[in-house]
Protein backbone atom coordinates (compact mmCIF):
# COMPACT_ATOMS: atom_id res chain seq x y z
CA MET A 1 0.00 0.00 0.00
CA LYS A 2 1.17 3.53 -0.79
CA ILE A 3 0.12 6.19 1.70
CA VAL A 4 0.77 9.84 0.83
CA VAL A 5 0.62 12.36 3.66
CA LEU A 6 0.05 16.03 2.84
CA ILE A 7 2.27 18.24 4.98
CA LYS A 8 2.65 21.99 5.29
CA GLU A 9 5.14 24.42 6.78
CA VAL A 10 3.49 27.12 8.89
CA PRO A 11 4.58 29.98 11.16
CA ASP A 12 5.17 28.85 14.72
CA THR A 13 1.88 28.88 16.63
CA TRP A 14 3.52 30.70 19.54
CA GLY A 15 4.92 33.47 17.36
CA ASP A 16 3.29 36.73 16.33
CA ARG A 17 1.18 36.60 13.17
CA LYS A 18 1.39 39.53 10.80
CA LEU A 19 0.41 40.05 7.18
CA SER A 20 2.63 42.01 4.84
CA LEU A 21 0.75 45.08 3.63
CA GLU A 22 2.66 44.87 0.34
CA THR A 23 2.05 41.24 -0.59
CA GLY A 24 -0.90 40.23 1.57
CA LEU A 25 1.04 37.15 2.66
CA ALA A 26 1.97 36.10 6.16
CA GLU A 27 5.45 37.26 7.11
CA ARG A 28 7.62 34.24 7.90
CA ASP A 29 10.94 34.51 9.64
CA ALA A 30 13.50 31.78 8.97
CA SER A 31 13.47 30.82 12.66
CA ASP A 32 9.68 30.79 12.74
CA ARG A 33 9.10 27.89 10.31
CA VAL A 34 7.70 24.63 11.67
CA LEU A 35 5.90 21.56 10.38
CA ASP A 36 2.23 21.99 11.19
CA GLU A 37 1.31 19.87 14.20
CA ILE A 38 -1.82 18.50 12.56
CA CYS A 39 0.34 17.31 9.64
CA GLU A 40 2.62 15.53 12.11
CA ARG A 41 -0.42 13.72 13.52
CA ALA A 42 -1.53 12.78 10.00
CA LEU A 43 1.94 11.41 9.31
CA GLU A 44 1.82 9.43 12.55
CA VAL A 45 -1.35 7.68 11.31
CA GLY A 46 0.45 6.56 8.17
CA LEU A 47 3.66 5.58 9.95
CA SER A 48 1.81 3.60 12.61
CA TYR A 49 0.07 1.57 9.91
CA ALA A 50 3.38 1.05 8.07
CA ASP A 51 5.04 -0.16 11.30
CA ALA A 52 2.45 -2.92 11.59
CA HIS A 53 2.13 -3.78 7.88
CA GLU A 54 5.27 -4.69 5.98
CA GLY A 55 5.39 -3.42 2.42
CA THR A 56 3.60 -0.15 3.16
CA GLU A 57 5.24 2.92 1.65
CA VAL A 58 4.68 6.32 3.28
CA VAL A 59 5.42 9.42 1.19
CA VAL A 60 5.22 13.04 2.35
CA LEU A 61 4.00 15.63 -0.16
CA SER A 62 4.23 19.39 0.21
CA MET A 63 3.67 22.46 -1.95
CA ALA A 64 6.06 25.06 -0.56
CA SER A 65 8.98 27.35 -1.28
CA GLU A 66 12.53 26.05 -1.56
CA ALA A 67 13.18 27.48 1.92
CA SER A 68 10.81 24.84 3.32
CA THR A 69 13.00 21.89 2.31
CA ALA A 70 14.35 21.37 5.83
CA THR A 71 10.81 21.22 7.21
CA VAL A 72 9.80 18.63 4.60
CA ARG A 73 12.87 16.58 5.51
CA LYS A 74 11.54 16.37 9.06
CA GLY A 75 8.86 14.08 7.67
CA LEU A 76 11.61 11.82 6.35
CA ALA A 77 13.36 11.92 9.72
CA MET A 78 10.14 10.84 11.40
CA GLY A 79 10.03 7.74 9.21
CA ALA A 80 8.55 8.51 5.77
CA ALA A 81 10.23 6.58 2.96
CA SER A 82 10.41 9.46 0.49
CA ALA A 83 9.33 13.05 -0.07
CA VAL A 84 7.95 15.09 -2.94
CA GLN A 85 8.00 18.87 -2.88
CA VAL A 86 6.40 21.16 -5.45
CA VAL A 87 8.40 24.37 -5.77
CA ASP A 88 7.54 27.12 -8.24
CA GLY A 89 7.70 30.90 -8.01
CA ASP A 90 4.29 31.19 -9.67
CA LEU A 91 2.72 29.43 -6.67
CA LEU A 92 3.53 32.26 -4.27
CA GLY A 93 0.24 33.27 -2.66
CA ALA A 94 -1.70 30.44 -4.34
CA ASP A 95 -5.35 30.17 -3.30
CA MET A 96 -6.98 26.92 -2.22
CA GLY A 97 -8.21 26.15 -5.72
CA LEU A 98 -4.74 26.29 -7.25
CA THR A 99 -3.23 24.49 -4.27
CA ALA A 100 -5.72 21.63 -4.64
CA GLU A 101 -5.04 21.40 -8.39
CA VAL A 102 -1.28 21.18 -7.80
CA LEU A 103 -1.58 18.56 -5.06
CA ALA A 104 -4.04 16.49 -7.09
CA ALA A 105 -1.83 16.59 -10.18
CA THR A 106 1.17 15.53 -8.10
CA LEU A 107 -0.78 12.66 -6.56
CA GLN A 108 -1.80 11.48 -10.03
CA ARG A 109 1.86 11.57 -11.06
CA ILE A 110 3.30 9.67 -8.09
CA GLY A 111 0.33 7.34 -7.46
CA PHE A 112 -1.41 6.57 -4.16
CA ASP A 113 -3.76 4.23 -2.38
CA LEU A 114 -4.59 6.53 0.52
CA VAL A 115 -4.02 10.25 1.11
CA ILE A 116 -3.98 11.50 4.70
CA ALA A 117 -4.13 15.18 5.63
CA GLY A 118 -4.89 17.37 8.59
CA ASN A 119 -8.34 18.93 8.75
CA LEU A 120 -7.13 22.51 9.28
CA SER A 121 -3.77 24.20 8.87
CA THR A 122 -2.86 26.51 11.72
CA ASP A 123 -2.09 29.44 9.42
CA GLY A 124 -4.87 29.70 6.83
CA SER A 125 -7.42 27.42 8.56
CA GLY A 126 -9.23 26.92 5.25
CA GLY A 127 -10.20 23.33 5.95
CA MET A 128 -11.20 22.58 2.34
CA ILE A 129 -8.04 21.23 0.70
CA PRO A 130 -8.59 17.49 1.43
CA ALA A 131 -12.14 17.55 0.06
CA MET A 132 -11.11 19.64 -2.97
CA VAL A 133 -8.25 17.27 -3.77
CA ALA A 134 -10.60 14.28 -3.54
CA GLU A 135 -13.09 16.03 -5.84
CA ILE A 136 -10.45 16.69 -8.50
CA LEU A 137 -9.15 13.12 -8.25
CA ASP A 138 -12.73 11.76 -8.30
CA VAL A 139 -12.14 9.54 -5.27
CA PRO A 140 -14.15 9.27 -2.03
CA SER A 141 -13.21 11.40 0.96
CA ALA A 142 -13.80 11.09 4.69
CA THR A 143 -13.02 14.30 6.49
CA ASN A 144 -12.57 15.46 10.10
CA LEU A 145 -11.99 11.97 11.45
CA THR A 146 -11.29 11.45 15.14
CA SER A 147 -10.16 7.86 14.53
CA VAL A 148 -8.76 6.04 11.51
CA GLU A 149 -8.72 2.32 10.69
CA ILE A 150 -6.95 1.27 7.50
CA SER A 151 -7.47 -2.12 5.83
CA ASP A 152 -6.33 -3.58 2.52
CA GLY A 153 -9.19 -2.17 0.51
CA ALA A 154 -10.83 0.51 2.62
CA VAL A 155 -10.42 3.14 5.32
CA GLU A 156 -12.85 3.75 8.17
CA GLY A 157 -13.19 6.35 10.88
CA VAL A 158 -15.45 8.31 13.19
CA ARG A 159 -16.52 11.91 12.66
CA LEU A 160 -18.02 13.87 15.53
CA SER A 161 -20.77 16.46 15.12
CA ASP A 162 -22.82 18.65 17.44
CA ALA A 163 -25.61 16.08 17.34
CA GLY A 164 -23.53 12.95 17.84
CA SER A 165 -21.07 10.86 15.84
CA MET A 166 -21.04 8.98 12.57
CA ARG A 167 -18.89 6.15 11.29
CA LEU A 168 -17.60 6.58 7.75
CA ARG A 169 -16.12 4.03 5.35
CA ALA A 170 -14.49 4.67 1.99
CA GLU A 171 -13.11 2.24 -0.56
CA LEU A 172 -9.52 2.85 -1.60
CA PRO A 173 -8.14 4.89 -3.25
CA ALA A 174 -9.43 7.64 -0.99
CA VAL A 175 -8.57 10.89 0.80
CA VAL A 176 -9.07 11.37 4.54
CA SER A 177 -8.41 14.23 6.93
CA ILE A 178 -7.89 13.88 10.67
CA THR A 179 -8.41 16.08 13.71
CA GLU A 180 -6.28 16.74 16.77
CA ALA A 181 -8.07 13.85 18.48
CA LEU A 182 -5.51 11.55 16.88
CA PRO A 183 -2.36 10.72 18.90
CA ASP A 184 0.68 12.98 19.11
CA ALA A 185 3.40 12.31 16.54
CA ARG A 186 6.67 10.58 17.27
CA PHE A 187 9.88 12.60 17.61
CA PRO A 188 12.63 12.12 15.02
CA ASN A 189 15.61 10.34 16.60
CA PHE A 190 19.25 10.70 15.61
CA LYS A 191 19.13 7.60 13.43
CA GLY A 192 16.08 8.92 11.61
CA ILE A 193 17.64 12.34 11.08
CA MET A 194 20.77 10.82 9.56
CA ALA A 195 18.78 8.39 7.41
CA ALA A 196 16.62 11.25 6.08
CA LYS A 197 19.63 12.69 4.23
CA LYS A 198 19.80 9.60 2.00
CA LYS A 199 16.10 9.09 1.33
CA PRO A 200 14.58 9.97 -2.08
CA PHE A 201 13.54 13.62 -2.31
CA GLU A 202 11.89 14.70 -5.57
CA THR A 203 11.32 18.36 -6.45
CA LEU A 204 8.72 19.23 -9.08
CA GLY A 205 7.57 22.43 -10.76
CA LEU A 206 4.38 23.47 -12.53
CA ALA A 207 5.87 22.51 -15.90
CA ASP A 208 6.41 18.94 -14.65
CA LEU A 209 2.73 18.76 -13.71
CA GLY A 210 1.41 20.39 -16.88
CA LEU A 211 -0.26 23.20 -14.94
CA ASP A 212 -0.44 26.96 -15.46
CA ALA A 213 -0.95 29.11 -12.37
CA ALA A 214 -2.30 31.92 -14.56
CA ASP A 215 -4.76 29.77 -16.52
CA PRO A 216 -7.48 32.23 -17.59
CA ASP A 217 -10.11 29.48 -17.62
CA ALA A 218 -9.53 28.58 -13.95
CA ALA A 219 -11.32 30.25 -11.06
CA ARG A 220 -8.90 32.04 -8.75
CA SER A 221 -9.29 34.22 -5.66
CA ILE A 222 -6.90 37.12 -5.10
CA VAL A 223 -6.37 39.80 -2.46
CA ILE A 224 -7.41 43.17 -3.89
CA SER A 225 -6.84 45.29 -0.78
CA LEU A 226 -5.30 44.97 2.66
CA ALA A 227 -5.24 47.24 5.69
CA GLU A 228 -4.09 46.97 9.27
CA ARG A 229 -6.73 46.40 11.89
CA PRO A 230 -7.71 49.77 13.41
CA PRO A 231 -6.51 50.42 16.96
CA ARG A 232 -8.84 49.37 19.69
CA GLU A 233 -11.04 52.21 20.95
CA ALA A 234 -12.08 52.73 24.54
CA GLY A 235 -15.55 51.53 25.35
CA VAL A 236 -18.42 53.55 26.80
CA LYS A 237 -18.08 54.10 30.53
CA ILE A 238 -21.23 54.52 32.58
CA VAL A 239 -20.93 56.24 35.95
CA ASP A 240 -23.64 55.35 38.42
CA GLU A 241 -25.33 58.51 39.63
CA GLY A 242 -28.52 56.79 40.53
CA ASP A 243 -29.53 56.31 36.90
CA ALA A 244 -26.95 53.75 35.72
CA GLY A 245 -29.65 51.19 34.97
CA ARG A 246 -31.49 53.56 32.66
CA LYS A 247 -28.26 54.62 30.94
CA LEU A 248 -27.29 50.99 30.37
CA ALA A 249 -30.73 50.17 28.97
CA ASP A 250 -30.58 53.19 26.64
CA PHE A 251 -27.10 52.16 25.44
CA LEU A 252 -28.24 48.63 24.68
CA ALA A 253 -31.32 49.91 22.85
CA GLU A 254 -29.36 52.44 20.79
CA ASN A 255 -26.95 49.74 19.63
CA ARG A 256 -29.79 47.26 18.96
CA LEU A 257 -28.44 44.82 21.50
CA VAL A 258 -31.85 44.18 23.05
């Protein structure tokens, strides 16, 4: 079985988040780049299955800049057999539609039985990429799973909702996304880090995938304006002079809060 895990480099959760007013993109310092935790959990699902089933190949796939290579290699150090990274200057600021097209085209090129992804990245929090990739590939998807069970011909899992839970099953090939309910990922050890340097690492561009980021027939979303959030203003202060209740009621009524 070939399991491909979608991974993404994101700004450190504990760091400050700021958008560039010139590009509209998140500013990323070299020391602030980390592998998204939800991607690590997704990789752990694949690696755990591979540990128990000989002959399983786990591949990490990422669409990122060349500066993200070290982060992708962390997936190899954790235990993935190989890595594929799509690097192209025309992908800077790509929307979810273009991202899904690139990932789907890469998956068609390298082949897969099961694709595992996180449900939400911690930077964009779009939450649609796994389902969009499955739609383009025309394969079933099971998203937001809190548990995953992989067999030879299918994948099963549980999805929670406000009203209860549901058990989903999809025939392979398929795409699934997992939530933070899945176990924490393993840490790369020294042996894994050293072995990662010798594992296959393929770099692809848009030309290799036969895609055009500026395709006029494709729907794209772009940022047309960007402004800093206005400074926080002081709220209304009501001093009780025997009529605070009336003043508060008037304030709520004026602002249509009651």
